C-alpha atoms as a PDB file:
ATOM      1  CA  MET A   1       4.458 -26.510 -16.806  1.00  0.00           C
ATOM      2  CA  ILE A   2       4.086 -24.657 -13.525  1.00  0.00           C
ATOM      3  CA  ALA A   3       0.905 -22.682 -12.985  1.00  0.00           C
ATOM      4  CA  ALA A   4       0.164 -20.069 -10.349  1.00  0.00           C
ATOM      5  CA  LEU A   5      -3.214 -19.816  -8.656  1.00  0.00           C
ATOM      6  CA  VAL A   6      -4.467 -16.767  -6.738  1.00  0.00           C
ATOM      7  CA  PRO A   7      -7.688 -17.153  -4.726  1.00  0.00           C
ATOM      8  CA  VAL A   8      -9.785 -14.057  -4.026  1.00  0.00           C
ATOM      9  CA  LYS A   9     -12.905 -13.856  -1.878  1.00  0.00           C
ATOM     10  CA  ALA A  10     -16.014 -11.958  -2.928  1.00  0.00           C
ATOM     11  CA  LEU A  11     -15.122  -8.288  -2.575  1.00  0.00           C
ATOM     12  CA  ARG A  12     -17.916  -7.544  -0.129  1.00  0.00           C
ATOM     13  CA  GLN A  13     -16.435 -10.177   2.248  1.00  0.00           C
ATOM     14  CA  SER A  14     -12.759  -9.346   1.812  1.00  0.00           C
ATOM     15  CA  LYS A  15     -10.594  -8.023   4.617  1.00  0.00           C
ATOM     16  CA  SER A  16     -13.451  -7.816   7.076  1.00  0.00           C
ATOM     17  CA  ARG A  17     -11.023  -7.296  10.001  1.00  0.00           C
ATOM     18  CA  LEU A  18     -10.090  -3.935   8.496  1.00  0.00           C
ATOM     19  CA  ARG A  19     -13.658  -2.665   8.884  1.00  0.00           C
ATOM     20  CA  PRO A  20     -12.870  -0.607  12.006  1.00  0.00           C
ATOM     21  CA  VAL A  21     -10.551   1.629   9.925  1.00  0.00           C
ATOM     22  CA  LEU A  22     -11.585   1.252   6.248  1.00  0.00           C
ATOM     23  CA  SER A  23     -14.888   1.710   4.491  1.00  0.00           C
ATOM     24  CA  ASP A  24     -16.242  -1.031   2.266  1.00  0.00           C
ATOM     25  CA  GLY A  25     -15.089   0.805  -0.828  1.00  0.00           C
ATOM     26  CA  GLN A  26     -11.598   1.309   0.586  1.00  0.00           C
ATOM     27  CA  ARG A  27     -11.213  -2.355   1.489  1.00  0.00           C
ATOM     28  CA  GLN A  28     -12.349  -3.378  -1.969  1.00  0.00           C
ATOM     29  CA  ALA A  29      -9.940  -0.991  -3.664  1.00  0.00           C
ATOM     30  CA  LEU A  30      -7.118  -2.331  -1.514  1.00  0.00           C
ATOM     31  CA  VAL A  31      -7.895  -5.928  -2.498  1.00  0.00           C
ATOM     32  CA  MET A  32      -7.932  -5.025  -6.184  1.00  0.00           C
ATOM     33  CA  ALA A  33      -4.639  -3.181  -5.806  1.00  0.00           C
ATOM     34  CA  MET A  34      -3.062  -6.192  -4.095  1.00  0.00           C
ATOM     35  CA  LEU A  35      -4.392  -8.446  -6.853  1.00  0.00           C
ATOM     36  CA  GLU A  36      -2.830  -6.185  -9.454  1.00  0.00           C
ATOM     37  CA  ASP A  37       0.513  -6.359  -7.661  1.00  0.00           C
ATOM     38  CA  VAL A  38       0.432 -10.135  -7.325  1.00  0.00           C
ATOM     39  CA  LEU A  39      -0.443 -10.664 -10.984  1.00  0.00           C
ATOM     40  CA  ARG A  40       2.260  -8.239 -12.066  1.00  0.00           C
ATOM     41  CA  LEU A  41       4.732 -10.106  -9.857  1.00  0.00           C
ATOM     42  CA  LEU A  42       3.811 -13.520 -11.317  1.00  0.00           C
ATOM     43  CA  ALA A  43       3.961 -12.164 -14.860  1.00  0.00           C
ATOM     44  CA  GLY A  44       7.621 -11.306 -14.257  1.00  0.00           C
ATOM     45  CA  VAL A  45       8.635 -14.847 -13.293  1.00  0.00           C
ATOM     46  CA  SER A  46       9.588 -16.757 -16.432  1.00  0.00           C
ATOM     47  CA  ALA A  47       9.109 -20.183 -14.840  1.00  0.00           C
ATOM     48  CA  ILE A  48       5.389 -19.482 -14.329  1.00  0.00           C
ATOM     49  CA  ALA A  49       3.745 -20.612 -17.542  1.00  0.00           C
ATOM     50  CA  ALA A  50       0.166 -19.685 -16.609  1.00  0.00           C
ATOM     51  CA  THR A  51      -1.574 -17.699 -13.911  1.00  0.00           C
ATOM     52  CA  ALA A  52      -5.185 -18.122 -12.828  1.00  0.00           C
ATOM     53  CA  VAL A  53      -7.479 -16.372 -10.375  1.00  0.00           C
ATOM     54  CA  VAL A  54     -10.307 -18.276  -8.708  1.00  0.00           C
ATOM     55  CA  SER A  55     -13.113 -16.235  -7.172  1.00  0.00           C
ATOM     56  CA  PRO A  56     -16.913 -16.112  -6.867  1.00  0.00           C
ATOM     57  CA  ASP A  57     -16.815 -12.366  -7.651  1.00  0.00           C
ATOM     58  CA  ALA A  58     -17.592 -11.285 -11.217  1.00  0.00           C
ATOM     59  CA  ASP A  59     -15.740  -7.990 -10.827  1.00  0.00           C
ATOM     60  CA  VAL A  60     -12.609  -9.765  -9.603  1.00  0.00           C
ATOM     61  CA  LEU A  61     -12.728 -12.207 -12.509  1.00  0.00           C
ATOM     62  CA  ALA A  62     -13.241  -9.451 -15.070  1.00  0.00           C
ATOM     63  CA  PHE A  63     -10.291  -7.581 -13.582  1.00  0.00           C
ATOM     64  CA  ALA A  64      -8.128 -10.714 -13.696  1.00  0.00           C
ATOM     65  CA  ARG A  65      -8.936 -11.236 -17.368  1.00  0.00           C
ATOM     66  CA  ARG A  66      -7.965  -7.678 -18.192  1.00  0.00           C
ATOM     67  CA  LEU A  67      -4.646  -8.265 -16.489  1.00  0.00           C
ATOM     68  CA  GLY A  68      -3.964 -11.345 -18.609  1.00  0.00           C
ATOM     69  CA  ALA A  69      -4.833 -14.089 -16.057  1.00  0.00           C
ATOM     70  CA  GLN A  70      -7.164 -16.989 -16.547  1.00  0.00           C
ATOM     71  CA  ALA A  71     -10.423 -16.380 -14.645  1.00  0.00           C
ATOM     72  CA  ILE A  72     -11.954 -19.384 -12.893  1.00  0.00           C
ATOM     73  CA  ARG A  73     -15.379 -18.893 -11.354  1.00  0.00           C
ATOM     74  CA  GLU A  74     -15.701 -20.587  -8.021  1.00  0.00           C
ATOM     75  CA  PRO A  75     -18.531 -23.181  -8.167  1.00  0.00           C
ATOM     76  CA  PRO A  76     -21.567 -22.338  -6.065  1.00  0.00           C
ATOM     77  CA  GLN A  77     -21.348 -25.621  -4.155  1.00  0.00           C
ATOM     78  CA  PRO A  78     -19.474 -26.624  -2.105  1.00  0.00           C
ATOM     79  CA  ARG A  79     -18.360 -23.234  -0.866  1.00  0.00           C
ATOM     80  CA  GLY A  80     -15.149 -22.303   0.833  1.00  0.00           C
ATOM     81  CA  LEU A  81     -11.556 -21.520   0.045  1.00  0.00           C
ATOM     82  CA  ASN A  82     -10.250 -25.074   0.053  1.00  0.00           C
ATOM     83  CA  ALA A  83     -13.043 -26.349  -2.147  1.00  0.00           C
ATOM     84  CA  ALA A  84     -12.428 -23.471  -4.598  1.00  0.00           C
ATOM     85  CA  LEU A  85      -8.711 -24.197  -4.694  1.00  0.00           C
ATOM     86  CA  THR A  86      -9.333 -27.899  -5.296  1.00  0.00           C
ATOM     87  CA  PHE A  87     -11.720 -27.121  -8.144  1.00  0.00           C
ATOM     88  CA  ALA A  88      -9.258 -24.707  -9.790  1.00  0.00           C
ATOM     89  CA  SER A  89      -6.253 -26.954  -9.187  1.00  0.00           C
ATOM     90  CA  ASP A  90      -8.010 -29.853 -10.905  1.00  0.00           C
ATOM     91  CA  MET A  91      -8.828 -27.602 -13.861  1.00  0.00           C
ATOM     92  CA  LEU A  92      -5.250 -26.413 -14.220  1.00  0.00           C
ATOM     93  CA  ARG A  93      -3.892 -29.943 -13.930  1.00  0.00           C
ATOM     94  CA  GLY A  94      -6.291 -30.950 -16.709  1.00  0.00           C
ATOM     95  CA  GLN A  95      -4.774 -28.166 -18.807  1.00  0.00           C
ATOM     96  CA  GLY A  96      -1.296 -29.628 -18.377  1.00  0.00           C
ATOM     97  CA  ALA A  97       0.058 -28.090 -15.193  1.00  0.00           C
ATOM     98  CA  GLY A  98       2.633 -30.400 -13.597  1.00  0.00           C
ATOM     99  CA  GLY A  99       3.271 -28.036 -10.713  1.00  0.00           C
ATOM    100  CA  LEU A 100       1.164 -25.505  -8.862  1.00  0.00           C
ATOM    101  CA  LEU A 101       1.975 -22.439  -6.822  1.00  0.00           C
ATOM    102  CA  VAL A 102      -0.845 -21.069  -4.645  1.00  0.00           C
ATOM    103  CA  LEU A 103      -0.209 -17.467  -3.675  1.00  0.00           C
ATOM    104  CA  PRO A 104      -2.725 -15.462  -1.641  1.00  0.00           C
ATOM    105  CA  VAL A 105      -3.752 -12.024  -2.813  1.00  0.00           C
ATOM    106  CA  ASP A 106      -2.758 -10.247   0.397  1.00  0.00           C
ATOM    107  CA  VAL A 107       1.029 -10.568   0.333  1.00  0.00           C
ATOM    108  CA  PRO A 108       2.025  -7.116  -0.950  1.00  0.00           C
ATOM    109  CA  LEU A 109       5.648  -7.412   0.167  1.00  0.00           C
ATOM    110  CA  ALA A 110       6.283 -10.547  -1.920  1.00  0.00           C
ATOM    111  CA  SER A 111       8.861 -10.288  -4.681  1.00  0.00           C
ATOM    112  CA  ALA A 112       9.859 -12.165  -7.823  1.00  0.00           C
ATOM    113  CA  ALA A 113      12.939 -13.365  -5.950  1.00  0.00           C
ATOM    114  CA  ASP A 114      10.631 -14.975  -3.360  1.00  0.00           C
ATOM    115  CA  VAL A 115       8.699 -16.847  -6.045  1.00  0.00           C
ATOM    116  CA  GLU A 116      11.914 -17.963  -7.750  1.00  0.00           C
ATOM    117  CA  ALA A 117      13.259 -19.199  -4.398  1.00  0.00           C
ATOM    118  CA  ILE A 118      10.102 -21.287  -3.914  1.00  0.00           C
ATOM    119  CA  LEU A 119      10.199 -22.726  -7.447  1.00  0.00           C
ATOM    120  CA  SER A 120      13.893 -23.599  -7.065  1.00  0.00           C
ATOM    121  CA  ARG A 121      12.896 -26.005  -4.274  1.00  0.00           C
ATOM    122  CA  MET A 122      10.435 -27.818  -6.536  1.00  0.00           C
ATOM    123  CA  ASP A 123      13.305 -29.736  -8.094  1.00  0.00           C
ATOM    124  CA  THR A 124      11.885 -33.216  -7.489  1.00  0.00           C
ATOM    125  CA  ASN A 125       8.620 -34.908  -8.301  1.00  0.00           C
ATOM    126  CA  PRO A 126       6.866 -35.172  -5.902  1.00  0.00           C
ATOM    127  CA  SER A 127       7.713 -32.056  -3.932  1.00  0.00           C
ATOM    128  CA  ILE A 128       5.988 -29.639  -1.540  1.00  0.00           C
ATOM    129  CA  VAL A 129       7.230 -26.190  -0.571  1.00  0.00           C
ATOM    130  CA  LEU A 130       5.486 -24.149   2.095  1.00  0.00           C
ATOM    131  CA  CYS A 131       6.078 -20.554   3.239  1.00  0.00           C
ATOM    132  CA  PRO A 132       4.489 -19.932   6.654  1.00  0.00           C
ATOM    133  CA  SER A 133       2.907 -16.673   7.690  1.00  0.00           C
ATOM    134  CA  ARG A 134       3.867 -15.038  10.992  1.00  0.00           C
ATOM    135  CA  SER A 135       0.514 -16.074  12.448  1.00  0.00           C
ATOM    136  CA  GLY A 136       0.860 -19.762  11.576  1.00  0.00           C
ATOM    137  CA  GLY A 137      -0.960 -19.657   8.255  1.00  0.00           C
ATOM    138  CA  THR A 138       0.292 -20.527   4.788  1.00  0.00           C
ATOM    139  CA  ASN A 139       1.326 -17.632   2.552  1.00  0.00           C
ATOM    140  CA  ALA A 140       2.619 -19.744  -0.332  1.00  0.00           C
ATOM    141  CA  LEU A 141       2.173 -23.390  -1.156  1.00  0.00           C
ATOM    142  CA  ALA A 142       3.869 -25.118  -4.074  1.00  0.00           C
ATOM    143  CA  LEU A 143       2.866 -28.616  -5.067  1.00  0.00           C
ATOM    144  CA  ARG A 144       4.336 -30.992  -7.644  1.00  0.00           C
ATOM    145  CA  PRO A 145       2.107 -32.509  -8.892  1.00  0.00           C
ATOM    146  CA  PRO A 146      -1.032 -30.475  -8.153  1.00  0.00           C
ATOM    147  CA  GLY A 147      -3.345 -32.206  -5.725  1.00  0.00           C
ATOM    148  CA  ILE A 148      -0.579 -34.199  -4.023  1.00  0.00           C
ATOM    149  CA  ILE A 149      -2.051 -33.142  -0.647  1.00  0.00           C
ATOM    150  CA  PRO A 150      -5.470 -31.685   0.187  1.00  0.00           C
ATOM    151  CA  PHE A 151      -5.703 -27.953   0.788  1.00  0.00           C
ATOM    152  CA  ARG A 152      -6.013 -27.054   4.488  1.00  0.00           C
ATOM    153  CA  PHE A 153      -6.024 -23.256   4.339  1.00  0.00           C
ATOM    154  CA  GLY A 154      -7.534 -21.656   7.439  1.00  0.00           C
ATOM    155  CA  HIS A 155      -6.513 -21.312  11.044  1.00  0.00           C
ATOM    156  CA  ARG A 156      -2.985 -22.689  11.656  1.00  0.00           C
ATOM    157  CA  SER A 157      -2.873 -24.025   8.113  1.00  0.00           C
ATOM    158  CA  SER A 158       0.924 -24.239   8.024  1.00  0.00           C
ATOM    159  CA  ALA A 159       0.890 -27.033  10.597  1.00  0.00           C
ATOM    160  CA  ALA A 160      -2.096 -28.665   8.912  1.00  0.00           C
ATOM    161  CA  HIS A 161      -0.372 -28.734   5.500  1.00  0.00           C
ATOM    162  CA  GLN A 162       2.786 -30.100   7.071  1.00  0.00           C
ATOM    163  CA  ARG A 163       0.793 -32.883   8.745  1.00  0.00           C
ATOM    164  CA  GLU A 164      -0.775 -33.844   5.396  1.00  0.00           C
ATOM    165  CA  ALA A 165       2.660 -34.059   3.781  1.00  0.00           C
ATOM    166  CA  ARG A 166       4.236 -36.075   6.567  1.00  0.00           C
ATOM    167  CA  ALA A 167       1.256 -38.460   6.820  1.00  0.00           C
ATOM    168  CA  ARG A 168       1.945 -39.393   3.184  1.00  0.00           C
ATOM    169  CA  GLY A 169       5.706 -39.527   3.544  1.00  0.00           C
ATOM    170  CA  LEU A 170       6.165 -36.770   0.968  1.00  0.00           C
ATOM    171  CA  PRO A 171       9.229 -34.509   0.720  1.00  0.00           C
ATOM    172  CA  LEU A 172       8.481 -31.165   2.312  1.00  0.00           C
ATOM    173  CA  ALA A 173      10.496 -27.950   2.389  1.00  0.00           C
ATOM    174  CA  VAL A 174       9.418 -25.237   4.831  1.00  0.00           C
ATOM    175  CA  LEU A 175      10.804 -21.966   3.541  1.00  0.00           C
ATOM    176  CA  PRO A 176      10.439 -18.991   5.912  1.00  0.00           C
ATOM    177  CA  LEU A 177      10.678 -15.798   3.828  1.00  0.00           C
ATOM    178  CA  PRO A 178      10.283 -12.524   5.737  1.00  0.00           C
ATOM    179  CA  SER A 179       8.511 -10.735   2.891  1.00  0.00           C
ATOM    180  CA  LEU A 180       6.040 -13.595   2.591  1.00  0.00           C
ATOM    181  CA  ALA A 181       5.405 -13.817   6.316  1.00  0.00           C
ATOM    182  CA  LEU A 182       3.183 -10.753   6.312  1.00  0.00           C
ATOM    183  CA  ASP A 183      -0.405 -10.815   5.125  1.00  0.00           C
ATOM    184  CA  ILE A 184      -2.811  -7.914   5.432  1.00  0.00           C
ATOM    185  CA  ASP A 185      -5.436  -8.785   8.008  1.00  0.00           C
ATOM    186  CA  ARG A 186      -5.274  -6.155  10.767  1.00  0.00           C
ATOM    187  CA  PRO A 187      -4.995  -2.378  10.795  1.00  0.00           C
ATOM    188  CA  GLN A 188      -1.459  -2.727  12.143  1.00  0.00           C
ATOM    189  CA  ASP A 189      -0.404  -4.569   8.977  1.00  0.00           C
ATOM    190  CA  LEU A 190      -1.002  -1.517   6.826  1.00  0.00           C
ATOM    191  CA  ALA A 191       2.047   0.145   8.324  1.00  0.00           C
ATOM    192  CA  ALA A 192       4.329  -2.566   6.950  1.00  0.00           C
ATOM    193  CA  VAL A 193       3.112  -1.727   3.444  1.00  0.00           C
ATOM    194  CA  LEU A 194       3.838   1.955   3.944  1.00  0.00           C
ATOM    195  CA  ALA A 195       7.298   1.153   5.225  1.00  0.00           C
ATOM    196  CA  GLN A 196       8.304  -0.364   1.878  1.00  0.00           C
ATOM    197  CA  PRO A 197       8.711   2.327  -0.823  1.00  0.00           C
ATOM    198  CA  ASN A 198       8.467  -0.228  -3.586  1.00  0.00           C
ATOM    199  CA  GLY A 199       6.189   1.628  -5.963  1.00  0.00           C
ATOM    200  CA  SER A 200       3.450  -0.982  -5.612  1.00  0.00           C
ATOM    201  CA  ARG A 201      -0.196  -0.254  -6.300  1.00  0.00           C
ATOM    202  CA  SER A 202      -0.954  -1.571  -2.806  1.00  0.00           C
ATOM    203  CA  ARG A 203       1.296   1.014  -1.175  1.00  0.00           C
ATOM    204  CA  GLU A 204      -0.239   3.776  -3.297  1.00  0.00           C
ATOM    205  CA  VAL A 205      -3.724   2.846  -2.125  1.00  0.00           C
ATOM    206  CA  VAL A 206      -2.714   2.423   1.522  1.00  0.00           C
ATOM    207  CA  ALA A 207      -0.956   5.795   1.506  1.00  0.00           C
ATOM    208  CA  SER A 208      -4.148   7.427   0.299  1.00  0.00           C
ATOM    209  CA  LEU A 209      -6.273   6.053   3.106  1.00  0.00           C
ATOM    210  CA  ALA A 210      -4.806   7.878   6.117  1.00  0.00           C
ATOM    211  CA  PRO A 211      -1.900  10.135   7.053  1.00  0.00           C
ATOM    212  CA  GLN A 212       1.238   8.035   7.258  1.00  0.00           C
ATOM    213  CA  PRO A 213       2.240   8.959  10.867  1.00  0.00           C
ATOM    214  CA  LEU A 214      -1.238   7.900  11.942  1.00  0.00           C
ATOM    215  CA  VAL A 215      -0.936   4.468  10.327  1.00  0.00           C
ATOM    216  CA  LEU A 216       2.581   4.017  11.622  1.00  0.00           C
ATOM    217  CA  ARG A 217       1.390   4.808  15.156  1.00  0.00           C
ATOM    218  CA  GLN A 218      -1.299   2.188  14.684  1.00  0.00           C
ATOM    219  CA  ALA A 219       1.408  -0.448  14.119  1.00  0.00           C
ATOM    220  CA  GLN A 220       2.705   0.182  17.626  1.00  0.00           C
ATOM    221  CA  ASP A 221      -0.713  -0.119  19.241  1.00  0.00           C
ATOM    222  CA  GLU A 222      -1.738  -3.772  19.284  1.00  0.00           C
ATOM    223  CA  ARG A 223      -4.789  -3.034  21.464  1.00  0.00           C
ATOM    224  CA  GLY A 224      -6.991  -1.614  18.739  1.00  0.00           C
ATOM    225  CA  PRO A 225      -7.348   1.035  16.073  1.00  0.00           C
ATOM    226  CA  GLY A 226      -5.929   3.716  18.360  1.00  0.00           C
ATOM    227  CA  PRO A 227      -6.845   7.372  18.637  1.00  0.00           C
ATOM    228  CA  GLY A 228      -7.182   9.290  15.426  1.00  0.00           C
ATOM    229  CA  PHE A 229      -7.328   6.263  13.131  1.00  0.00           C
ATOM    230  CA  THR A 230     -10.929   5.175  13.126  1.00  0.00           C
ATOM    231  CA  ARG A 231     -13.379   4.855  10.327  1.00  0.00           C
ATOM    232  CA  ASN A 232     -15.251   8.036   9.599  1.00  0.00           C
ATOM    233  CA  PRO A 233     -18.915   7.142  10.155  1.00  0.00           C
ATOM    234  CA  SER A 234     -19.961   9.722   7.580  1.00  0.00           C
ATOM    235  CA  LEU A 235     -18.176   7.843   4.761  1.00  0.00           C
ATOM    236  CA  LYS A 236     -20.460   6.372   2.174  1.00  0.00           C
ATOM    237  CA  ALA A 237     -19.733   2.907   0.901  1.00  0.00           C
ATOM    238  CA  GLY A 238     -17.127   3.208  -1.811  1.00  0.00           C
ATOM    239  CA  ALA A 239     -15.846   6.548  -0.591  1.00  0.00           C
ATOM    240  CA  TRP A 240     -12.181   7.334  -0.140  1.00  0.00           C
ATOM    241  CA  GLY A 241     -12.393   9.796   2.758  1.00  0.00           C
ATOM    242  CA  ARG A 242     -11.530  13.043   1.051  1.00  0.00           C
ATOM    243  CA  GLU A 243     -12.419  12.457  -2.569  1.00  0.00           C
ATOM    244  CA  SER A 244      -9.861  15.001  -3.762  1.00  0.00           C
ATOM    245  CA  ASP A 245      -7.049  13.016  -2.165  1.00  0.00           C
ATOM    246  CA  ALA A 246      -7.991   9.636  -3.563  1.00  0.00           C
ATOM    247  CA  PRO A 247      -6.073   8.258  -6.545  1.00  0.00           C
ATOM    248  CA  ALA A 248      -8.253   7.003  -9.359  1.00  0.00           C
ATOM    249  CA  PHE A 249      -8.457   3.210  -9.372  1.00  0.00           C
ATOM    250  CA  ARG A 250      -8.248   2.146 -12.963  1.00  0.00           C
ATOM    251  CA  LEU A 251      -8.684  -1.324 -14.334  1.00  0.00           C
ATOM    252  CA  GLY A 252      -5.312  -2.155 -15.833  1.00  0.00           C
ATOM    253  CA  SER A 253      -4.673  -3.384 -19.319  1.00  0.00           C
ATOM    254  CA  ARG A 254      -2.956  -6.710 -19.853  1.00  0.00           C
ATOM    255  CA  ILE A 255       0.012  -6.744 -17.518  1.00  0.00           C
ATOM    256  CA  LYS A 256       3.527  -6.931 -18.812  1.00  0.00           C
ATOM    257  CA  PRO A 257       6.466  -8.096 -16.684  1.00  0.00           C
ATOM    258  CA  PRO A 258       8.151  -5.145 -14.922  1.00  0.00           C
ATOM    259  CA  SER A 259      11.202  -3.901 -16.769  1.00  0.00           C
ATOM    260  CA  SER A 260      14.607  -4.591 -15.265  1.00  0.00           C
ATOM    261  CA  PRO A 261      16.189  -1.658 -13.397  1.00  0.00           C
END
């Protein structure tokens, strides 16, 4: 079977580079919305037999369970993303996974067609499929079997994963997918989410955080947050700006695959 694995940091540490424009509560709500979207996406791909979330955060794991995913608590030692992924990958392999797709939480433009395109390239054993991010990272990594190369997520991880594959003489497919090239790390990235009227929970949350023209202007200003789009220092942690404008963030029930149009 093929399993999907979604790593999520502790909420208080997530998306720290968005701190200039989002309060702690806003960043946490955005991460949970992106997690909901990713789990809904994976639930709609029939070739994915199981989906797991690995995280040190109890709230993230409880949310994942409610959405129908397996919750794997990151071990306290050793810490770090790659160690957490190795721990969870070994667990899923022990449960019968013959292939593994690692998908980050912050790829809100990803689609079921993207996942299916990746899985279609896992037609041999062994096989490795990598989707690079626009900044040189890895925004999807498929391995058959799990553990065939060590995880090297971090700065310039796309090149690092490719080196690991080539050093072992393993078949590698690099699959650039525009919708998987974007991850949400900077204020400018929020505009790309707004530009896609896809009905996602992520877009709903982003749209509630600031007036759209303001966010779109931010995308054109690579020098910083830009005038008019700075964090309100009077916001309390967990606040949404104007409370009356904020959509309620509800823990979802078990997710069902989206219905066909």
